[in-house]
Amino acid sequence: MYLLSDKKTLLKAILESYVYYKIVDKIKLINDCFNNYKFILNKVYNSIDPAEIKIVPSVLVAQNYIACDELEEMESGQLPKLKALSLALGISFFSIDFDLYKHEL
């Protein structure tokens, strides 16, 4: 998953996420993640088969970032070529509002 900064465009995030997806050793990533978390959540991970875990290229966008606005535009049909590219590459999108997680000291 690729997390955007406030000045990166959605296109850049899509391309970087896909490049990382293509070059990562997916089997090693799954095994490393699976083995590390198995110690923490033993009951849950005993019922998970690592062969069933699927890695997908993903982009996480945050509210009030340029890419979030572009994602909304893409979903509304204003950026059809960007949408076609993301579909062709199999990119998944997730969004988060970090303001929900701010705590006052």
PDB file of N, CA and C in Angstrom:
ATOM      1  N   MET A   1       0.849  -1.167   0.000  1.00  0.00           N
ATOM      2  CA  MET A   1       0.000   0.000   0.000  1.00  0.00           C
ATOM      3  C   MET A   1       0.891   1.225   0.000  1.00  0.00           C
ATOM      4  N   TYR A   2       0.509   2.181  -0.786  1.00  0.00           N
ATOM      5  CA  TYR A   2       1.276   3.406  -0.929  1.00  0.00           C
ATOM      6  C   TYR A   2       0.506   4.539  -0.280  1.00  0.00           C
ATOM      7  N   LEU A   3       1.093   5.198   0.717  1.00  0.00           N
ATOM      8  CA  LEU A   3       0.459   6.326   1.408  1.00  0.00           C
ATOM      9  C   LEU A   3       0.971   7.621   0.809  1.00  0.00           C
ATOM     10  N   LEU A   4       0.046   8.471   0.465  1.00  0.00           N
ATOM     11  CA  LEU A   4       0.382   9.727  -0.199  1.00  0.00           C
ATOM     12  C   LEU A   4       0.758  10.828   0.762  1.00  0.00           C
ATOM     13  N   SER A   5       1.603  11.717   0.287  1.00  0.00           N
ATOM     14  CA  SER A   5       1.823  12.967   1.006  1.00  0.00           C
ATOM     15  C   SER A   5       0.849  13.978   0.416  1.00  0.00           C
ATOM     16  N   ASP A   6       0.821  15.172   0.970  1.00  0.00           N
ATOM     17  CA  ASP A   6      -0.190  16.143   0.560  1.00  0.00           C
ATOM     18  C   ASP A   6       0.010  16.699  -0.847  1.00  0.00           C
ATOM     19  N   LYS A   7       1.200  16.556  -1.451  1.00  0.00           N
ATOM     20  CA  LYS A   7       1.442  17.164  -2.753  1.00  0.00           C
ATOM     21  C   LYS A   7       1.547  16.158  -3.893  1.00  0.00           C
ATOM     22  N   LYS A   8       1.454  14.872  -3.600  1.00  0.00           N
ATOM     23  CA  LYS A   8       1.572  13.872  -4.655  1.00  0.00           C
ATOM     24  C   LYS A   8       0.236  13.674  -5.350  1.00  0.00           C
ATOM     25  N   THR A   9       0.324  13.451  -6.643  1.00  0.00           N
ATOM     26  CA  THR A   9      -0.890  13.240  -7.423  1.00  0.00           C
ATOM     27  C   THR A   9      -1.299  11.776  -7.363  1.00  0.00           C
ATOM     28  N   LEU A  10      -2.533  11.537  -7.717  1.00  0.00           N
ATOM     29  CA  LEU A  10      -3.044  10.176  -7.740  1.00  0.00           C
ATOM     30  C   LEU A  10      -2.327   9.354  -8.806  1.00  0.00           C
ATOM     31  N   LEU A  11      -2.008   9.959  -9.942  1.00  0.00           N
ATOM     32  CA  LEU A  11      -1.291   9.247 -10.990  1.00  0.00           C
ATOM     33  C   LEU A  11       0.054   8.737 -10.478  1.00  0.00           C
ATOM     34  N   LYS A  12       0.791   9.575  -9.804  1.00  0.00           N
ATOM     35  CA  LYS A  12       2.089   9.164  -9.264  1.00  0.00           C
ATOM     36  C   LYS A  12       1.917   8.020  -8.272  1.00  0.00           C
ATOM     37  N   ALA A  13       0.908   8.101  -7.428  1.00  0.00           N
ATOM     38  CA  ALA A  13       0.658   7.051  -6.440  1.00  0.00           C
ATOM     39  C   ALA A  13       0.301   5.728  -7.117  1.00  0.00           C
ATOM     40  N   ILE A  14      -0.522   5.800  -8.146  1.00  0.00           N
ATOM     41  CA  ILE A  14      -0.905   4.588  -8.884  1.00  0.00           C
ATOM     42  C   ILE A  14       0.323   3.924  -9.487  1.00  0.00           C
ATOM     43  N   LEU A  15       1.146   4.725 -10.144  1.00  0.00           N
ATOM     44  CA  LEU A  15       2.327   4.174 -10.806  1.00  0.00           C
ATOM     45  C   LEU A  15       3.333   3.620  -9.798  1.00  0.00           C
ATOM     46  N   GLU A  16       3.569   4.327  -8.709  1.00  0.00           N
ATOM     47  CA  GLU A  16       4.513   3.849  -7.703  1.00  0.00           C
ATOM     48  C   GLU A  16       4.001   2.578  -7.021  1.00  0.00           C
ATOM     49  N   SER A  17       2.729   2.538  -6.714  1.00  0.00           N
ATOM     50  CA  SER A  17       2.154   1.355  -6.083  1.00  0.00           C
ATOM     51  C   SER A  17       2.303   0.141  -6.992  1.00  0.00           C
ATOM     52  N   TYR A  18       2.055   0.335  -8.269  1.00  0.00           N
ATOM     53  CA  TYR A  18       2.148  -0.783  -9.209  1.00  0.00           C
ATOM     54  C   TYR A  18       3.596  -1.248  -9.370  1.00  0.00           C
ATOM     55  N   VAL A  19       4.533  -0.313  -9.437  1.00  0.00           N
ATOM     56  CA  VAL A  19       5.947  -0.682  -9.557  1.00  0.00           C
ATOM     57  C   VAL A  19       6.379  -1.473  -8.325  1.00  0.00           C
ATOM     58  N   TYR A  20       6.031  -0.994  -7.129  1.00  0.00           N
ATOM     59  CA  TYR A  20       6.383  -1.713  -5.906  1.00  0.00           C
ATOM     60  C   TYR A  20       5.761  -3.109  -5.907  1.00  0.00           C
ATOM     61  N   TYR A  21       4.518  -3.200  -6.359  1.00  0.00           N
ATOM     62  CA  TYR A  21       3.814  -4.478  -6.426  1.00  0.00           C
ATOM     63  C   TYR A  21       4.550  -5.457  -7.343  1.00  0.00           C
ATOM     64  N   LYS A  22       5.057  -4.960  -8.457  1.00  0.00           N
ATOM     65  CA  LYS A  22       5.742  -5.825  -9.419  1.00  0.00           C
ATOM     66  C   LYS A  22       7.121  -6.276  -8.936  1.00  0.00           C
ATOM     67  N   ILE A  23       7.820  -5.448  -8.153  1.00  0.00           N
ATOM     68  CA  ILE A  23       9.183  -5.813  -7.785  1.00  0.00           C
ATOM     69  C   ILE A  23       9.292  -6.528  -6.435  1.00  0.00           C
ATOM     70  N   VAL A  24       8.268  -6.461  -5.614  1.00  0.00           N
ATOM     71  CA  VAL A  24       8.350  -7.094  -4.294  1.00  0.00           C
ATOM     72  C   VAL A  24       8.291  -8.619  -4.443  1.00  0.00           C
ATOM     73  N   ASP A  25       9.025  -9.293  -3.592  1.00  0.00           N
ATOM     74  CA  ASP A  25       8.965 -10.753  -3.532  1.00  0.00           C
ATOM     75  C   ASP A  25       7.722 -11.103  -2.713  1.00  0.00           C
ATOM     76  N   LYS A  26       6.633 -11.404  -3.397  1.00  0.00           N
ATOM     77  CA  LYS A  26       5.341 -11.589  -2.741  1.00  0.00           C
ATOM     78  C   LYS A  26       5.333 -12.789  -1.784  1.00  0.00           C
ATOM     79  N   ILE A  27       5.992 -13.855  -2.164  1.00  0.00           N
ATOM     80  CA  ILE A  27       6.036 -15.037  -1.303  1.00  0.00           C
ATOM     81  C   ILE A  27       6.794 -14.725  -0.011  1.00  0.00           C
ATOM     82  N   LYS A  28       7.916 -14.043  -0.127  1.00  0.00           N
ATOM     83  CA  LYS A  28       8.689 -13.668   1.065  1.00  0.00           C
ATOM     84  C   LYS A  28       7.887 -12.691   1.931  1.00  0.00           C
ATOM     85  N   LEU A  29       7.210 -11.728   1.315  1.00  0.00           N
ATOM     86  CA  LEU A  29       6.399 -10.772   2.064  1.00  0.00           C
ATOM     87  C   LEU A  29       5.303 -11.487   2.854  1.00  0.00           C
ATOM     88  N   ILE A  30       4.609 -12.387   2.209  1.00  0.00           N
ATOM     89  CA  ILE A  30       3.539 -13.128   2.884  1.00  0.00           C
ATOM     90  C   ILE A  30       4.101 -13.966   4.027  1.00  0.00           C
ATOM     91  N   ASN A  31       5.173 -14.685   3.759  1.00  0.00           N
ATOM     92  CA  ASN A  31       5.753 -15.537   4.801  1.00  0.00           C
ATOM     93  C   ASN A  31       6.285 -14.719   5.964  1.00  0.00           C
ATOM     94  N   ASP A  32       6.978 -13.618   5.681  1.00  0.00           N
ATOM     95  CA  ASP A  32       7.499 -12.774   6.760  1.00  0.00           C
ATOM     96  C   ASP A  32       6.373 -12.193   7.603  1.00  0.00           C
ATOM     97  N   CYS A  33       5.362 -11.666   6.947  1.00  0.00           N
ATOM     98  CA  CYS A  33       4.224 -11.072   7.657  1.00  0.00           C
ATOM     99  C   CYS A  33       3.487 -12.146   8.455  1.00  0.00           C
ATOM    100  N   PHE A  34       3.236 -13.251   7.810  1.00  0.00           N
ATOM    101  CA  PHE A  34       2.508 -14.340   8.457  1.00  0.00           C
ATOM    102  C   PHE A  34       3.255 -14.838   9.692  1.00  0.00           C
ATOM    103  N   ASN A  35       4.557 -15.069   9.548  1.00  0.00           N
ATOM    104  CA  ASN A  35       5.345 -15.593  10.665  1.00  0.00           C
ATOM    105  C   ASN A  35       5.468 -14.578  11.799  1.00  0.00           C
ATOM    106  N   ASN A  36       5.597 -13.291  11.487  1.00  0.00           N
ATOM    107  CA  ASN A  36       5.702 -12.270  12.534  1.00  0.00           C
ATOM    108  C   ASN A  36       4.409 -12.132  13.320  1.00  0.00           C
ATOM    109  N   TYR A  37       3.279 -12.104  12.630  1.00  0.00           N
ATOM    110  CA  TYR A  37       2.008 -11.915  13.313  1.00  0.00           C
ATOM    111  C   TYR A  37       1.496 -13.192  13.964  1.00  0.00           C
ATOM    112  N   LYS A  38       1.997 -14.324  13.537  1.00  0.00           N
ATOM    113  CA  LYS A  38       1.552 -15.588  14.119  1.00  0.00           C
ATOM    114  C   LYS A  38       1.843 -15.622  15.617  1.00  0.00           C
ATOM    115  N   PHE A  39       2.949 -15.039  16.024  1.00  0.00           N
ATOM    116  CA  PHE A  39       3.294 -15.015  17.444  1.00  0.00           C
ATOM    117  C   PHE A  39       2.353 -14.111  18.238  1.00  0.00           C
ATOM    118  N   ILE A  40       1.865 -13.059  17.601  1.00  0.00           N
ATOM    119  CA  ILE A  40       1.019 -12.089  18.293  1.00  0.00           C
ATOM    120  C   ILE A  40      -0.419 -12.586  18.421  1.00  0.00           C
ATOM    121  N   LEU A  41      -0.953 -13.086  17.333  1.00  0.00           N
ATOM    122  CA  LEU A  41      -2.358 -13.509  17.305  1.00  0.00           C
ATOM    123  C   LEU A  41      -2.450 -14.997  16.996  1.00  0.00           C
ATOM    124  N   ASN A  42      -1.908 -15.804  17.844  1.00  0.00           N
ATOM    125  CA  ASN A  42      -1.758 -17.225  17.582  1.00  0.00           C
ATOM    126  C   ASN A  42      -3.074 -17.919  17.222  1.00  0.00           C
ATOM    127  N   LYS A  43      -4.146 -17.639  17.934  1.00  0.00           N
ATOM    128  CA  LYS A  43      -5.414 -18.320  17.674  1.00  0.00           C
ATOM    129  C   LYS A  43      -5.965 -17.989  16.288  1.00  0.00           C
ATOM    130  N   VAL A  44      -5.885 -16.732  15.912  1.00  0.00           N
ATOM    131  CA  VAL A  44      -6.409 -16.316  14.609  1.00  0.00           C
ATOM    132  C   VAL A  44      -5.560 -16.891  13.483  1.00  0.00           C
ATOM    133  N   TYR A  45      -4.247 -16.794  13.625  1.00  0.00           N
ATOM    134  CA  TYR A  45      -3.356 -17.180  12.534  1.00  0.00           C
ATOM    135  C   TYR A  45      -3.217 -18.689  12.380  1.00  0.00           C
ATOM    136  N   ASN A  46      -3.606 -19.464  13.355  1.00  0.00           N
ATOM    137  CA  ASN A  46      -3.586 -20.916  13.177  1.00  0.00           C
ATOM    138  C   ASN A  46      -4.615 -21.361  12.155  1.00  0.00           C
ATOM    139  N   SER A  47      -5.648 -20.547  11.937  1.00  0.00           N
ATOM    140  CA  SER A  47      -6.696 -20.921  10.991  1.00  0.00           C
ATOM    141  C   SER A  47      -6.493 -20.296   9.607  1.00  0.00           C
ATOM    142  N   ILE A  48      -5.389 -19.561   9.405  1.00  0.00           N
ATOM    143  CA  ILE A  48      -5.128 -18.908   8.124  1.00  0.00           C
ATOM    144  C   ILE A  48      -4.057 -19.672   7.362  1.00  0.00           C
ATOM    145  N   ASP A  49      -4.346 -19.945   6.111  1.00  0.00           N
ATOM    146  CA  ASP A  49      -3.367 -20.581   5.234  1.00  0.00           C
ATOM    147  C   ASP A  49      -2.654 -19.483   4.447  1.00  0.00           C
ATOM    148  N   PRO A  50      -1.331 -19.361   4.588  1.00  0.00           N
ATOM    149  CA  PRO A  50      -0.612 -18.305   3.861  1.00  0.00           C
ATOM    150  C   PRO A  50      -0.825 -18.363   2.352  1.00  0.00           C
ATOM    151  N   ALA A  51      -1.119 -19.524   1.826  1.00  0.00           N
ATOM    152  CA  ALA A  51      -1.345 -19.659   0.382  1.00  0.00           C
ATOM    153  C   ALA A  51      -2.617 -18.933  -0.064  1.00  0.00           C
ATOM    154  N   GLU A  52      -3.515 -18.634   0.874  1.00  0.00           N
ATOM    155  CA  GLU A  52      -4.762 -17.960   0.539  1.00  0.00           C
ATOM    156  C   GLU A  52      -4.657 -16.436   0.608  1.00  0.00           C
ATOM    157  N   ILE A  53      -3.517 -15.925   1.075  1.00  0.00           N
ATOM    158  CA  ILE A  53      -3.333 -14.476   1.184  1.00  0.00           C
ATOM    159  C   ILE A  53      -3.001 -13.915  -0.186  1.00  0.00           C
ATOM    160  N   LYS A  54      -3.683 -12.851  -0.559  1.00  0.00           N
ATOM    161  CA  LYS A  54      -3.487 -12.236  -1.869  1.00  0.00           C
ATOM    162  C   LYS A  54      -2.910 -10.835  -1.686  1.00  0.00           C
ATOM    163  N   ILE A  55      -1.857 -10.525  -2.414  1.00  0.00           N
ATOM    164  CA  ILE A  55      -1.252  -9.199  -2.404  1.00  0.00           C
ATOM    165  C   ILE A  55      -1.810  -8.422  -3.592  1.00  0.00           C
ATOM    166  N   VAL A  56      -2.304  -7.211  -3.342  1.00  0.00           N
ATOM    167  CA  VAL A  56      -2.826  -6.373  -4.429  1.00  0.00           C
ATOM    168  C   VAL A  56      -2.200  -4.978  -4.334  1.00  0.00           C
ATOM    169  N   PRO A  57      -1.961  -4.360  -5.477  1.00  0.00           N
ATOM    170  CA  PRO A  57      -1.443  -2.987  -5.441  1.00  0.00           C
ATOM    171  C   PRO A  57      -2.529  -2.045  -4.924  1.00  0.00           C
ATOM    172  N   SER A  58      -2.181  -1.221  -3.958  1.00  0.00           N
ATOM    173  CA  SER A  58      -3.170  -0.355  -3.313  1.00  0.00           C
ATOM    174  C   SER A  58      -2.603   1.024  -3.046  1.00  0.00           C
ATOM    175  N   VAL A  59      -3.518   1.993  -2.967  1.00  0.00           N
ATOM    176  CA  VAL A  59      -3.164   3.377  -2.647  1.00  0.00           C
ATOM    177  C   VAL A  59      -4.060   3.832  -1.503  1.00  0.00           C
ATOM    178  N   LEU A  60      -3.441   4.404  -0.477  1.00  0.00           N
ATOM    179  CA  LEU A  60      -4.171   4.979   0.651  1.00  0.00           C
ATOM    180  C   LEU A  60      -4.113   6.495   0.519  1.00  0.00           C
ATOM    181  N   VAL A  61      -5.267   7.123   0.394  1.00  0.00           N
ATOM    182  CA  VAL A  61      -5.310   8.584   0.293  1.00  0.00           C
ATOM    183  C   VAL A  61      -5.939   9.158   1.553  1.00  0.00           C
ATOM    184  N   ALA A  62      -5.481  10.331   1.925  1.00  0.00           N
ATOM    185  CA  ALA A  62      -5.996  10.998   3.113  1.00  0.00           C
ATOM    186  C   ALA A  62      -6.838  12.200   2.711  1.00  0.00           C
ATOM    187  N   GLN A  63      -7.822  12.508   3.534  1.00  0.00           N
ATOM    188  CA  GLN A  63      -8.675  13.667   3.300  1.00  0.00           C
ATOM    189  C   GLN A  63      -7.823  14.933   3.218  1.00  0.00           C
ATOM    190  N   ASN A  64      -8.270  15.890   2.442  1.00  0.00           N
ATOM    191  CA  ASN A  64      -7.619  17.195   2.287  1.00  0.00           C
ATOM    192  C   ASN A  64      -6.296  17.122   1.529  1.00  0.00           C
ATOM    193  N   TYR A  65      -6.046  16.037   0.824  1.00  0.00           N
ATOM    194  CA  TYR A  65      -4.868  15.918  -0.021  1.00  0.00           C
ATOM    195  C   TYR A  65      -5.308  16.029  -1.477  1.00  0.00           C
ATOM    196  N   ILE A  66      -4.397  16.454  -2.329  1.00  0.00           N
ATOM    197  CA  ILE A  66      -4.698  16.593  -3.761  1.00  0.00           C
ATOM    198  C   ILE A  66      -5.239  15.286  -4.322  1.00  0.00           C
ATOM    199  N   ALA A  67      -4.594  14.185  -3.972  1.00  0.00           N
ATOM    200  CA  ALA A  67      -4.985  12.883  -4.516  1.00  0.00           C
ATOM    201  C   ALA A  67      -6.394  12.474  -4.100  1.00  0.00           C
ATOM    202  N   CYS A  68      -6.835  12.906  -2.942  1.00  0.00           N
ATOM    203  CA  CYS A  68      -8.188  12.583  -2.500  1.00  0.00           C
ATOM    204  C   CYS A  68      -9.207  13.263  -3.406  1.00  0.00           C
ATOM    205  N   ASP A  69      -8.938  14.519  -3.733  1.00  0.00           N
ATOM    206  CA  ASP A  69      -9.822  15.233  -4.665  1.00  0.00           C
ATOM    207  C   ASP A  69      -9.811  14.558  -6.032  1.00  0.00           C
ATOM    208  N   GLU A  70      -8.620  14.132  -6.465  1.00  0.00           N
ATOM    209  CA  GLU A  70      -8.513  13.459  -7.765  1.00  0.00           C
ATOM    210  C   GLU A  70      -9.238  12.115  -7.746  1.00  0.00           C
ATOM    211  N   LEU A  71      -9.178  11.409  -6.630  1.00  0.00           N
ATOM    212  CA  LEU A  71      -9.886  10.141  -6.520  1.00  0.00           C
ATOM    213  C   LEU A  71     -11.392  10.359  -6.633  1.00  0.00           C
ATOM    214  N   GLU A  72     -11.897  11.384  -5.977  1.00  0.00           N
ATOM    215  CA  GLU A  72     -13.324  11.705  -6.079  1.00  0.00           C
ATOM    216  C   GLU A  72     -13.699  12.069  -7.514  1.00  0.00           C
ATOM    217  N   GLU A  73     -12.830  12.850  -8.184  1.00  0.00           N
ATOM    218  CA  GLU A  73     -13.076  13.203  -9.582  1.00  0.00           C
ATOM    219  C   GLU A  73     -13.059  11.956 -10.468  1.00  0.00           C
ATOM    220  N   MET A  74     -12.121  11.071 -10.220  1.00  0.00           N
ATOM    221  CA  MET A  74     -12.018   9.850 -11.018  1.00  0.00           C
ATOM    222  C   MET A  74     -13.271   8.992 -10.840  1.00  0.00           C
ATOM    223  N   GLU A  75     -13.715   8.847  -9.596  1.00  0.00           N
ATOM    224  CA  GLU A  75     -14.895   8.027  -9.325  1.00  0.00           C
ATOM    225  C   GLU A  75     -16.166   8.627  -9.914  1.00  0.00           C
ATOM    226  N   SER A  76     -16.187   9.956 -10.076  1.00  0.00           N
ATOM    227  CA  SER A  76     -17.376  10.600 -10.650  1.00  0.00           C
ATOM    228  C   SER A  76     -17.328  10.652 -12.177  1.00  0.00           C
ATOM    229  N   GLY A  77     -16.245  10.127 -12.771  1.00  0.00           N
ATOM    230  CA  GLY A  77     -16.163  10.057 -14.220  1.00  0.00           C
ATOM    231  C   GLY A  77     -15.439  11.208 -14.886  1.00  0.00           C
ATOM    232  N   GLN A  78     -14.869  12.120 -14.101  1.00  0.00           N
ATOM    233  CA  GLN A  78     -14.187  13.277 -14.676  1.00  0.00           C
ATOM    234  C   GLN A  78     -12.778  12.953 -15.179  1.00  0.00           C
ATOM    235  N   LEU A  79     -12.218  11.841 -14.734  1.00  0.00           N
ATOM    236  CA  LEU A  79     -10.868  11.446 -15.151  1.00  0.00           C
ATOM    237  C   LEU A  79     -10.914  10.017 -15.710  1.00  0.00           C
ATOM    238  N   PRO A  80     -11.530   9.837 -16.884  1.00  0.00           N
ATOM    239  CA  PRO A  80     -11.741   8.481 -17.404  1.00  0.00           C
ATOM    240  C   PRO A  80     -10.445   7.735 -17.735  1.00  0.00           C
ATOM    241  N   LYS A  81      -9.428   8.438 -18.194  1.00  0.00           N
ATOM    242  CA  LYS A  81      -8.167   7.756 -18.534  1.00  0.00           C
ATOM    243  C   LYS A  81      -7.456   7.269 -17.274  1.00  0.00           C
ATOM    244  N   LEU A  82      -7.515   8.052 -16.213  1.00  0.00           N
ATOM    245  CA  LEU A  82      -6.919   7.638 -14.949  1.00  0.00           C
ATOM    246  C   LEU A  82      -7.664   6.429 -14.390  1.00  0.00           C
ATOM    247  N   LYS A  83      -8.973   6.435 -14.518  1.00  0.00           N
ATOM    248  CA  LYS A  83      -9.768   5.301 -14.049  1.00  0.00           C
ATOM    249  C   LYS A  83      -9.451   4.053 -14.868  1.00  0.00           C
ATOM    250  N   ALA A  84      -9.324   4.212 -16.177  1.00  0.00           N
ATOM    251  CA  ALA A  84      -9.004   3.078 -17.033  1.00  0.00           C
ATOM    252  C   ALA A  84      -7.633   2.501 -16.669  1.00  0.00           C
ATOM    253  N   LEU A  85      -6.677   3.371 -16.391  1.00  0.00           N
ATOM    254  CA  LEU A  85      -5.349   2.924 -15.999  1.00  0.00           C
ATOM    255  C   LEU A  85      -5.399   2.154 -14.683  1.00  0.00           C
ATOM    256  N   SER A  86      -6.100   2.704 -13.701  1.00  0.00           N
ATOM    257  CA  SER A  86      -6.162   2.037 -12.398  1.00  0.00           C
ATOM    258  C   SER A  86      -6.866   0.683 -12.501  1.00  0.00           C
ATOM    259  N   LEU A  87      -7.886   0.591 -13.338  1.00  0.00           N
ATOM    260  CA  LEU A  87      -8.571  -0.696 -13.539  1.00  0.00           C
ATOM    261  C   LEU A  87      -7.659  -1.689 -14.243  1.00  0.00           C
ATOM    262  N   ALA A  88      -6.934  -1.227 -15.257  1.00  0.00           N
ATOM    263  CA  ALA A  88      -6.038  -2.104 -16.006  1.00  0.00           C
ATOM    264  C   ALA A  88      -4.917  -2.644 -15.124  1.00  0.00           C
ATOM    265  N   LEU A  89      -4.458  -1.836 -14.172  1.00  0.00           N
ATOM    266  CA  LEU A  89      -3.371  -2.251 -13.288  1.00  0.00           C
ATOM    267  C   LEU A  89      -3.867  -2.980 -12.038  1.00  0.00           C
ATOM    268  N   GLY A  90      -5.184  -2.985 -11.817  1.00  0.00           N
ATOM    269  CA  GLY A  90      -5.750  -3.674 -10.662  1.00  0.00           C
ATOM    270  C   GLY A  90      -5.508  -2.971  -9.337  1.00  0.00           C
ATOM    271  N   ILE A  91      -5.474  -1.638  -9.371  1.00  0.00           N
ATOM    272  CA  ILE A  91      -5.198  -0.853  -8.169  1.00  0.00           C
ATOM    273  C   ILE A  91      -6.450  -0.765  -7.292  1.00  0.00           C
ATOM    274  N   SER A  92      -6.266  -0.984  -5.993  1.00  0.00           N
ATOM    275  CA  SER A  92      -7.333  -0.771  -5.015  1.00  0.00           C
ATOM    276  C   SER A  92      -7.068   0.548  -4.296  1.00  0.00           C
ATOM    277  N   PHE A  93      -8.143   1.247  -3.934  1.00  0.00           N
ATOM    278  CA  PHE A  93      -8.008   2.535  -3.255  1.00  0.00           C
ATOM    279  C   PHE A  93      -8.664   2.476  -1.889  1.00  0.00           C
ATOM    280  N   PHE A  94      -8.011   3.128  -0.935  1.00  0.00           N
ATOM    281  CA  PHE A  94      -8.536   3.253   0.413  1.00  0.00           C
ATOM    282  C   PHE A  94      -8.339   4.704   0.839  1.00  0.00           C
ATOM    283  N   SER A  95      -9.241   5.199   1.667  1.00  0.00           N
ATOM    284  CA  SER A  95      -9.087   6.571   2.155  1.00  0.00           C
ATOM    285  C   SER A  95      -9.233   6.586   3.667  1.00  0.00           C
ATOM    286  N   ILE A  96      -8.613   7.611   4.255  1.00  0.00           N
ATOM    287  CA  ILE A  96      -8.652   7.760   5.710  1.00  0.00           C
ATOM    288  C   ILE A  96      -8.726   9.244   6.035  1.00  0.00           C
ATOM    289  N   ASP A  97      -9.434   9.544   7.086  1.00  0.00           N
ATOM    290  CA  ASP A  97      -9.506  10.914   7.582  1.00  0.00           C
ATOM    291  C   ASP A  97      -8.700  10.970   8.875  1.00  0.00           C
ATOM    292  N   PHE A  98      -7.473  11.482   8.784  1.00  0.00           N
ATOM    293  CA  PHE A  98      -6.595  11.519   9.950  1.00  0.00           C
ATOM    294  C   PHE A  98      -7.123  12.432  11.047  1.00  0.00           C
ATOM    295  N   ASP A  99      -8.018  13.355  10.711  1.00  0.00           N
ATOM    296  CA  ASP A  99      -8.590  14.231  11.732  1.00  0.00           C
ATOM    297  C   ASP A  99      -9.375  13.437  12.778  1.00  0.00           C
ATOM    298  N   LEU A 100      -9.881  12.277  12.388  1.00  0.00           N
ATOM    299  CA  LEU A 100     -10.624  11.446  13.330  1.00  0.00           C
ATOM    300  C   LEU A 100      -9.726  10.855  14.409  1.00  0.00           C
ATOM    301  N   TYR A 101      -8.428  10.830  14.131  1.00  0.00           N
ATOM    302  CA  TYR A 101      -7.492  10.181  15.047  1.00  0.00           C
ATOM    303  C   TYR A 101      -6.613  11.160  15.811  1.00  0.00           C
ATOM    304  N   LYS A 102      -6.891  12.432  15.683  1.00  0.00           N
ATOM    305  CA  LYS A 102      -6.098  13.424  16.408  1.00  0.00           C
ATOM    306  C   LYS A 102      -6.556  13.479  17.854  1.00  0.00           C
ATOM    307  N   HIS A 103      -5.591  13.577  18.740  1.00  0.00           N
ATOM    308  CA  HIS A 103      -5.898  13.670  20.163  1.00  0.00           C
ATOM    309  C   HIS A 103      -5.330  14.971  20.709  1.00  0.00           C
ATOM    310  N   GLU A 104      -6.093  15.609  21.540  1.00  0.00           N
ATOM    311  CA  GLU A 104      -5.605  16.835  22.161  1.00  0.00           C
ATOM    312  C   GLU A 104      -4.785  16.468  23.389  1.00  0.00           C
ATOM    313  N   LEU A 105      -3.675  17.163  23.553  1.00  0.00           N
ATOM    314  CA  LEU A 105      -2.814  16.904  24.714  1.00  0.00           C
ATOM    315  C   LEU A 105      -3.118  17.856  25.823  1.00  0.00           C
TER     316      LEU A 105
END
